[in-house]
Amino acid sequence: NLSLFYLVAKTGELGWIHFQELPAFVYKNERLNAFEKTKVRYFDYKAVELDLKKTTLKAGEYWILVSDRIYSAIGIPSGEFTKQFETALSGKNFGNSRDLILDCGRIIERRYGKNVLETSAFLAVTRK
């Protein structure tokens, strides 16, 4: 699965094209919120018109991508994984994207085991 993104650091403009089922997330005010789920799955990105999504990332907010491999390795629907992920991160305050990613890894390993963690991929981008 592939996602492409850009971030204009000065303005916070963030754009992305999503090639997977799990939505992108934004973490702000100690809450994880999912962006609208992509309606089209791109298997051949050259053959379709790309759906560029945009938002503005404010200082202290984190944009997060989570690989589809996580929920498929666990064996639960993507919607259920999203709910569990939102609940696990709720109320936490992170100093930087590294701390956020480390906590995501700890959550996955604690709940689902090391095998799932080893197949997982996370990306977090923030603007200071």
Protein backbone atom coordinates (compact mmCIF):
# COMPACT_ATOMS: atom_id res chain seq x y z
CA ASN A 1 0.00 0.00 0.00
CA LEU A 2 1.19 3.46 -0.81
CA SER A 3 0.36 6.99 0.24
CA LEU A 4 1.98 10.10 -1.15
CA PHE A 5 1.96 13.41 0.69
CA TYR A 6 3.44 16.87 0.80
CA LEU A 7 3.64 19.40 3.62
CA VAL A 8 4.32 23.11 3.19
CA ALA A 9 5.99 23.77 6.55
CA LYS A 10 5.50 27.54 6.49
CA THR A 11 1.71 27.44 5.96
CA GLY A 12 0.85 23.96 7.21
CA GLU A 13 -0.79 23.00 3.93
CA LEU A 14 -0.89 19.23 3.74
CA GLY A 15 -1.99 17.24 0.73
CA TRP A 16 -2.10 13.50 0.22
CA ILE A 17 -3.20 10.73 -2.09
CA HIS A 18 -4.19 7.59 -0.29
CA PHE A 19 -3.79 4.12 -1.76
CA GLN A 20 -5.14 2.06 1.14
CA GLU A 21 -8.31 1.27 3.07
CA LEU A 22 -7.44 2.70 6.49
CA PRO A 23 -8.01 6.46 6.64
CA ALA A 24 -5.35 9.00 7.49
CA PHE A 25 -5.65 10.41 11.02
CA VAL A 26 -5.00 13.71 12.72
CA TYR A 27 -4.09 13.78 16.40
CA LYS A 28 -4.98 17.05 18.12
CA ASN A 29 -6.18 18.11 21.55
CA GLU A 30 -5.29 14.64 22.90
CA ARG A 31 -7.76 12.99 20.51
CA LEU A 32 -7.29 10.91 17.39
CA ASN A 33 -9.67 11.79 14.57
CA ALA A 34 -9.99 9.89 11.31
CA PHE A 35 -10.23 11.73 8.01
CA GLU A 36 -12.88 10.59 5.58
CA LYS A 37 -12.11 7.12 4.28
CA THR A 38 -10.97 6.97 0.67
CA LYS A 39 -13.78 5.67 -1.50
CA VAL A 40 -11.51 4.37 -4.25
CA ARG A 41 -8.72 1.85 -3.75
CA TYR A 42 -5.91 2.50 -6.19
CA PHE A 43 -4.30 -0.64 -7.55
CA ASP A 44 -2.95 0.94 -10.72
CA TYR A 45 -2.36 4.57 -9.88
CA LYS A 46 -1.54 5.47 -13.49
CA ALA A 47 -4.97 4.36 -14.76
CA VAL A 48 -7.21 6.56 -12.60
CA GLU A 49 -7.72 10.21 -11.81
CA LEU A 50 -6.06 10.77 -8.44
CA ASP A 51 -8.08 12.13 -5.51
CA LEU A 52 -5.84 14.70 -3.80
CA LYS A 53 -7.10 15.44 -0.30
CA LYS A 54 -6.00 18.61 1.50
CA THR A 55 -6.06 20.04 4.99
CA THR A 56 -4.12 22.54 7.05
CA LEU A 57 -1.92 21.10 9.77
CA LYS A 58 -1.65 23.48 12.70
CA ALA A 59 1.27 23.63 15.11
CA GLY A 60 1.09 20.78 17.61
CA GLU A 61 -1.12 18.59 15.41
CA TYR A 62 0.06 15.26 14.04
CA TRP A 63 -0.95 13.71 10.73
CA ILE A 64 -0.72 9.93 10.98
CA LEU A 65 -0.70 7.11 8.45
CA VAL A 66 -1.16 3.53 9.59
CA SER A 67 -0.55 0.67 7.18
CA ASP A 68 -3.38 -1.66 6.19
CA ARG A 69 -1.06 -4.53 7.12
CA ILE A 70 -1.84 -3.92 10.80
CA TYR A 71 -5.56 -4.60 10.80
CA SER A 72 -5.25 -7.40 8.24
CA ALA A 73 -2.60 -9.12 10.42
CA ILE A 74 -4.91 -8.79 13.44
CA GLY A 75 -7.86 -10.16 11.49
CA ILE A 76 -10.44 -7.50 12.36
CA PRO A 77 -12.30 -5.02 10.12
CA SER A 78 -10.62 -1.66 9.53
CA GLY A 79 -13.48 0.20 11.28
CA GLU A 80 -13.02 -1.84 14.45
CA PHE A 81 -9.26 -1.26 14.41
CA THR A 82 -9.85 2.49 13.98
CA LYS A 83 -12.14 2.58 17.04
CA GLN A 84 -9.63 0.65 19.16
CA PHE A 85 -6.77 2.90 18.01
CA GLU A 86 -8.76 6.08 18.80
CA THR A 87 -9.59 4.78 22.28
CA ALA A 88 -5.99 3.75 23.03
CA LEU A 89 -4.54 7.18 22.12
CA SER A 90 -7.28 9.29 23.70
CA GLY A 91 -6.14 11.64 26.46
CA LYS A 92 -2.40 11.31 25.82
CA ASN A 93 -0.09 14.26 25.30
CA PHE A 94 2.96 13.79 23.07
CA GLY A 95 5.97 16.08 22.90
CA ASN A 96 6.94 15.07 19.38
CA SER A 97 6.13 12.65 16.55
CA ARG A 98 8.75 10.17 17.78
CA ASP A 99 6.95 9.78 21.13
CA LEU A 100 3.65 9.32 19.32
CA ILE A 101 5.06 6.59 17.04
CA LEU A 102 6.72 4.80 19.97
CA ASP A 103 3.43 4.80 21.88
CA CYS A 104 1.58 3.46 18.82
CA GLY A 105 4.11 0.62 18.64
CA ARG A 106 3.69 -0.16 22.34
CA ILE A 107 -0.09 -0.25 21.95
CA ILE A 108 0.09 -2.64 18.99
CA GLU A 109 2.62 -4.93 20.69
CA ARG A 110 0.74 -5.00 24.01
CA ARG A 111 -2.68 -5.68 22.44
CA TYR A 112 -1.83 -7.87 19.48
CA GLY A 113 1.70 -9.19 19.97
CA LYS A 114 5.15 -8.77 18.53
CA ASN A 115 4.31 -10.55 15.26
CA VAL A 116 1.72 -7.88 14.38
CA LEU A 117 4.10 -5.10 15.43
CA GLU A 118 6.79 -6.47 13.11
CA THR A 119 4.43 -6.17 10.11
CA SER A 120 3.21 -2.71 11.10
CA ALA A 121 4.13 0.59 9.51
CA PHE A 122 3.40 4.04 10.97
CA LEU A 123 4.18 7.55 9.79
CA ALA A 124 3.58 10.71 11.81
CA VAL A 125 4.21 14.24 10.57
CA THR A 126 3.90 17.35 12.70
CA ARG A 127 4.46 21.05 12.35
CA LYS A 128 6.25 22.96 15.11
